[in-house]
Amino acid sequence: MSSHRGTSYTNLQLEVDDHVAIVTIANPPANTWTRDSLAALRDLVVDLNSDRDIYALVITGEGEKFYSAGADLKQFADGDKALARDAARRFGEAFEALSAFRGVSIAAINGYAMGGGLECALACDLRIAEEQAQMALPEASVGLLPCAGGTQNLARLVGEGWAKRMILLGERVDAPTALRIGLVEDVVAKGESKSRAIAWAKQTGKQSPTSVAACKRLIQATRTQTHAAALVSEREAFVDLFDSADQAEGVHAFLEKRAPRWENA
């Protein structure tokens, strides 16, 4: 049991179910992000990364209506550029930490995911939307732009055309459309995204957590590395796994026809 489990994180609720950390964005009424809650998310991911018992992370929103409506626009009303720079930096630090989380991260989109709310889901590995969920990046309609990875991560997931429809036209996307264009990986009935996300998280628990961490790094390296360099990295990472206890355990468990007991080491 790690010490962070008793820690309080601003506007974030943490519960642990076996090897799964479940984080609920809790800032009613719309679960907006603040400078403090973004710093808290960054710190929380750092703490989870150091907890070898945690293999997966589920993020959802409190209540039935909102996953997260993004940034609180009141903080930008006076046109303060220093405040804007600080807010952008905190969004970047939080969601980049989330993207680099060691295990599998799953967004359980239980309602509206707007602006920085959708960008939080985009920073996760997988997204599950409830049938009534709505997703949008409407920043340009208020004279701003998505500064927390939105222009980069959305285009990578759904292609330039749909990214431009959502960002340049401000088009809102419903759950079936999100599934069709690859913005989410699954759609479930209202109220069921969290339980489906936890089921997926437990599915990843059957995989070696050291393998999962290495695979995730390699998959995300396709964003920046050349194909040739990434193929070299892939082979090197395969050999590096032979330094891990989980590699020996996985092979022995298979040969002995039993379930493996992972140590995340």
Protein backbone atom coordinates (compact mmCIF):
# COMPACT_ATOMS: atom_id res chain seq x y z
CA MET A 1 0.00 0.00 0.00
CA SER A 2 1.64 3.25 -1.10
CA SER A 3 1.47 6.50 0.84
CA HIS A 4 -0.16 8.49 -1.99
CA ARG A 5 -3.42 6.62 -1.49
CA GLY A 6 -4.13 8.79 1.51
CA THR A 7 -3.10 11.97 -0.35
CA SER A 8 -5.65 14.60 -1.30
CA TYR A 9 -5.56 15.85 -4.90
CA THR A 10 -7.45 19.07 -5.69
CA ASN A 11 -10.78 18.36 -7.47
CA LEU A 12 -9.72 14.76 -8.15
CA GLN A 13 -11.02 11.71 -6.33
CA LEU A 14 -8.77 8.64 -6.27
CA GLU A 15 -9.91 5.10 -5.56
CA VAL A 16 -7.89 1.94 -6.08
CA ASP A 17 -9.45 -1.34 -7.19
CA ASP A 18 -6.80 -4.07 -7.18
CA HIS A 19 -4.23 -2.89 -9.80
CA VAL A 20 -6.47 -0.14 -11.20
CA ALA A 21 -6.43 3.54 -10.15
CA ILE A 22 -9.81 5.20 -10.75
CA VAL A 23 -9.68 9.00 -10.91
CA THR A 24 -12.85 11.09 -10.94
CA ILE A 25 -12.73 14.73 -12.05
CA ALA A 26 -14.87 16.37 -9.35
CA ASN A 27 -15.36 20.11 -9.75
CA PRO A 28 -19.11 20.73 -10.04
CA PRO A 29 -21.09 21.77 -11.91
CA ALA A 30 -19.08 21.09 -15.11
CA ASN A 31 -15.86 19.45 -13.80
CA THR A 32 -13.77 22.32 -15.19
CA TRP A 33 -9.99 22.30 -14.83
CA THR A 34 -8.22 24.86 -12.63
CA ARG A 35 -4.54 25.61 -12.21
CA ASP A 36 -4.59 23.65 -8.94
CA SER A 37 -6.41 20.59 -10.31
CA LEU A 38 -4.06 20.42 -13.31
CA ALA A 39 -1.05 20.50 -10.96
CA ALA A 40 -2.81 17.82 -8.90
CA LEU A 41 -3.29 15.59 -11.97
CA ARG A 42 0.40 15.92 -12.85
CA ASP A 43 1.40 15.00 -9.28
CA LEU A 44 -1.08 12.13 -9.17
CA VAL A 45 0.31 10.54 -12.33
CA VAL A 46 3.86 10.87 -10.96
CA ASP A 47 2.71 9.14 -7.76
CA LEU A 48 0.95 6.36 -9.68
CA ASN A 49 4.03 5.79 -11.83
CA SER A 50 6.05 5.08 -8.69
CA ASP A 51 3.47 2.61 -7.33
CA ARG A 52 4.42 -0.78 -8.79
CA ASP A 53 1.02 -2.22 -7.81
CA ILE A 54 -0.80 0.08 -10.26
CA TYR A 55 -1.05 -1.22 -13.84
CA ALA A 56 -3.90 0.89 -15.23
CA LEU A 57 -5.65 4.24 -14.81
CA VAL A 58 -9.30 5.08 -15.47
CA ILE A 59 -10.42 8.75 -15.65
CA THR A 60 -14.06 9.76 -15.55
CA GLY A 61 -16.23 12.74 -14.54
CA GLU A 62 -18.39 13.17 -11.47
CA GLY A 63 -22.15 13.22 -12.00
CA GLU A 64 -24.24 12.33 -15.02
CA LYS A 65 -23.85 15.36 -17.29
CA PHE A 66 -20.16 16.24 -17.65
CA TYR A 67 -16.91 14.40 -18.16
CA SER A 68 -15.24 17.82 -18.18
CA ALA A 69 -16.10 21.13 -19.83
CA GLY A 70 -12.41 22.10 -19.96
CA ALA A 71 -10.88 25.32 -18.70
CA ASP A 72 -12.85 27.81 -16.63
CA LEU A 73 -13.07 30.78 -19.03
CA LYS A 74 -13.48 33.28 -16.18
CA GLN A 75 -9.72 33.14 -15.64
CA PHE A 76 -9.12 34.53 -19.16
CA ALA A 77 -11.68 37.35 -18.99
CA ASP A 78 -9.18 40.12 -18.20
CA GLY A 79 -6.80 39.25 -21.06
CA ASP A 80 -3.81 38.59 -18.80
CA LYS A 81 -1.10 37.02 -20.98
CA ALA A 82 1.04 35.89 -18.02
CA LEU A 83 -1.96 34.01 -16.63
CA ALA A 84 -2.65 32.52 -20.06
CA ARG A 85 0.94 31.32 -20.36
CA ASP A 86 0.80 29.76 -16.89
CA ALA A 87 -2.53 28.04 -17.63
CA ALA A 88 -1.23 26.67 -20.95
CA ARG A 89 1.93 25.39 -19.27
CA ARG A 90 -0.09 23.64 -16.55
CA PHE A 91 -2.41 22.03 -19.09
CA GLY A 92 0.64 20.82 -21.02
CA GLU A 93 2.43 19.45 -17.94
CA ALA A 94 -0.69 17.63 -16.72
CA PHE A 95 -1.72 15.99 -19.98
CA GLU A 96 1.84 15.21 -21.10
CA ALA A 97 2.35 13.46 -17.75
CA LEU A 98 -0.89 11.58 -18.36
CA SER A 99 0.20 10.59 -21.87
CA ALA A 100 3.49 9.28 -20.47
CA PHE A 101 1.80 7.27 -17.68
CA ARG A 102 3.60 3.92 -17.40
CA GLY A 103 0.46 1.78 -17.64
CA VAL A 104 -2.72 1.82 -19.70
CA SER A 105 -4.95 4.90 -19.32
CA ILE A 106 -8.63 4.78 -20.23
CA ALA A 107 -11.03 7.74 -20.42
CA ALA A 108 -14.60 6.85 -19.40
CA ILE A 109 -16.45 9.72 -21.12
CA ASN A 110 -19.68 9.90 -19.11
CA GLY A 111 -21.03 13.12 -20.62
CA TYR A 112 -19.90 16.36 -22.24
CA ALA A 113 -16.15 16.41 -23.00
CA MET A 114 -15.38 19.91 -24.22
CA GLY A 115 -12.11 21.74 -24.85
CA GLY A 116 -9.61 20.77 -22.15
CA GLY A 117 -12.01 18.02 -21.10
CA LEU A 118 -11.72 16.31 -24.47
CA GLU A 119 -7.98 17.02 -24.50
CA CYS A 120 -7.69 15.07 -21.24
CA ALA A 121 -9.40 12.10 -22.93
CA LEU A 122 -7.13 12.53 -25.98
CA ALA A 123 -4.09 12.19 -23.69
CA CYS A 124 -5.32 8.75 -22.58
CA ASP A 125 -4.52 5.52 -24.42
CA LEU A 126 -8.16 4.51 -24.94
CA ARG A 127 -11.55 6.21 -24.81
CA ILE A 128 -15.00 4.81 -24.04
CA ALA A 129 -17.98 7.13 -24.61
CA GLU A 130 -21.49 6.78 -23.25
CA GLU A 131 -24.21 6.96 -25.91
CA GLN A 132 -25.36 10.43 -24.80
CA ALA A 133 -21.84 11.94 -24.68
CA GLN A 134 -20.91 14.95 -26.78
CA MET A 135 -17.34 15.91 -27.71
CA ALA A 136 -15.98 19.18 -29.07
CA LEU A 137 -13.00 21.54 -29.21
CA PRO A 138 -14.88 24.87 -29.35
CA GLU A 139 -11.99 27.15 -28.31
CA ALA A 140 -11.92 29.15 -31.56
CA SER A 141 -15.53 30.23 -30.94
CA VAL A 142 -14.28 32.29 -27.97
CA GLY A 143 -11.13 33.58 -29.65
CA LEU A 144 -8.82 30.89 -28.27
CA LEU A 145 -7.40 27.56 -29.49
CA PRO A 146 -6.93 24.09 -28.01
CA CYS A 147 -3.53 24.45 -26.28
CA ALA A 148 -3.42 21.18 -24.30
CA GLY A 149 -2.50 18.89 -27.18
CA GLY A 150 -5.80 19.23 -29.02
CA THR A 151 -4.52 20.26 -32.44
CA GLN A 152 -1.86 17.55 -32.34
CA ASN A 153 -3.57 14.58 -30.70
CA LEU A 154 -6.95 14.93 -32.41
CA ALA A 155 -5.41 15.08 -35.90
CA ARG A 156 -3.30 12.03 -35.10
CA LEU A 157 -6.36 10.03 -34.01
CA VAL A 158 -8.99 11.03 -36.56
CA GLY A 159 -6.96 12.52 -39.43
CA GLU A 160 -6.67 16.10 -40.58
CA GLY A 161 -10.10 16.33 -42.16
CA TRP A 162 -12.13 15.54 -39.06
CA ALA A 163 -9.72 17.47 -36.84
CA LYS A 164 -10.36 20.50 -39.02
CA ARG A 165 -14.14 19.97 -38.95
CA MET A 166 -14.07 19.88 -35.15
CA ILE A 167 -11.51 22.65 -34.55
CA LEU A 168 -11.97 25.04 -37.50
CA LEU A 169 -15.75 24.66 -37.81
CA GLY A 170 -16.33 24.05 -34.11
CA GLU A 171 -18.33 20.95 -34.97
CA ARG A 172 -19.66 18.93 -32.03
CA VAL A 173 -19.46 15.15 -32.35
CA ASP A 174 -21.86 12.62 -30.81
CA ALA A 175 -20.86 9.16 -29.57
CA PRO A 176 -21.73 7.15 -32.73
CA THR A 177 -19.81 9.64 -34.90
CA ALA A 178 -16.88 9.57 -32.48
CA LEU A 179 -16.75 5.77 -32.80
CA ARG A 180 -16.99 5.90 -36.58
CA ILE A 181 -14.15 8.39 -37.01
CA GLY A 182 -11.86 6.70 -34.46
CA LEU A 183 -12.13 9.36 -31.75
CA VAL A 184 -13.28 6.71 -29.27
CA GLU A 185 -12.76 2.94 -29.23
CA ASP A 186 -16.14 1.94 -27.78
CA VAL A 187 -19.63 3.27 -27.05
CA VAL A 188 -21.73 2.01 -24.13
CA ALA A 189 -25.11 2.77 -22.58
CA LYS A 190 -25.57 5.71 -20.22
CA GLY A 191 -23.92 5.08 -16.87
CA GLU A 192 -21.79 2.18 -18.09
CA SER A 193 -18.52 3.82 -19.21
CA LYS A 194 -16.77 3.52 -15.85
CA SER A 195 -17.54 -0.19 -15.42
CA ARG A 196 -16.48 -0.93 -19.03
CA ALA A 197 -13.25 1.04 -18.50
CA ILE A 198 -12.50 -0.89 -15.31
CA ALA A 199 -13.16 -4.16 -17.18
CA TRP A 200 -10.66 -3.10 -19.86
CA ALA A 201 -8.18 -2.08 -17.16
CA LYS A 202 -8.48 -5.50 -15.55
CA GLN A 203 -7.99 -7.11 -18.96
CA THR A 204 -4.62 -5.39 -19.24
CA GLY A 205 -3.77 -6.84 -15.82
CA LYS A 206 -3.44 -10.23 -17.52
CA GLN A 207 -0.57 -8.82 -19.58
CA SER A 208 2.90 -8.34 -18.14
CA PRO A 209 3.00 -4.73 -16.88
CA THR A 210 6.66 -4.44 -17.88
CA SER A 211 5.76 -5.55 -21.41
CA VAL A 212 2.79 -3.15 -21.53
CA ALA A 213 4.97 -0.20 -20.48
CA ALA A 214 7.56 -1.03 -23.16
CA CYS A 215 4.90 -1.56 -25.85
CA LYS A 216 3.19 1.72 -25.02
CA ARG A 217 6.47 3.63 -25.34
CA LEU A 218 7.14 1.98 -28.70
CA ILE A 219 3.65 2.64 -30.08
CA GLN A 220 3.86 6.31 -29.06
CA ALA A 221 7.37 6.57 -30.55
CA THR A 222 5.73 6.33 -33.98
CA ARG A 223 4.72 9.96 -33.42
CA THR A 224 8.31 11.19 -33.51
CA GLN A 225 10.73 8.44 -34.58
CA THR A 226 11.38 7.33 -38.11
CA HIS A 227 10.06 3.89 -38.99
CA ALA A 228 13.58 2.49 -39.36
CA ALA A 229 14.74 3.84 -35.99
CA ALA A 230 11.61 2.59 -34.25
CA LEU A 231 12.16 -0.94 -35.63
CA VAL A 232 15.63 -0.92 -34.03
CA SER A 233 14.14 0.34 -30.75
CA GLU A 234 11.53 -2.44 -30.89
CA ARG A 235 14.17 -5.17 -31.14
CA GLU A 236 16.28 -3.62 -28.38
CA ALA A 237 13.25 -3.32 -26.10
CA PHE A 238 12.46 -7.01 -26.70
CA VAL A 239 15.94 -8.02 -25.54
CA ASP A 240 15.76 -5.60 -22.56
CA LEU A 241 12.69 -7.45 -21.28
CA PHE A 242 14.98 -10.40 -20.53
CA ASP A 243 16.32 -8.31 -17.62
CA SER A 244 12.83 -8.35 -16.05
CA ALA A 245 11.38 -10.78 -13.54
CA ASP A 246 8.08 -10.67 -15.42
CA GLN A 247 9.66 -12.12 -18.57
CA ALA A 248 10.89 -15.21 -16.72
CA GLU A 249 7.58 -15.52 -14.85
CA GLY A 250 5.51 -15.20 -18.03
CA VAL A 251 7.39 -17.90 -19.92
CA HIS A 252 7.53 -20.27 -16.93
CA ALA A 253 3.82 -19.78 -16.20
CA PHE A 254 2.96 -20.60 -19.83
CA LEU A 255 5.12 -23.74 -19.83
CA GLU A 256 3.71 -24.79 -16.45
CA LYS A 257 0.14 -24.14 -17.66
CA ARG A 258 -0.70 -21.71 -14.83
CA ALA A 259 -1.65 -18.04 -14.54
CA PRO A 260 1.36 -15.72 -14.21
CA ARG A 261 1.99 -13.72 -11.04
CA TRP A 262 3.30 -10.36 -12.25
CA GLU A 263 5.64 -8.27 -10.10
CA ASN A 264 5.90 -5.26 -12.45
CA ALA A 265 9.65 -5.69 -12.20
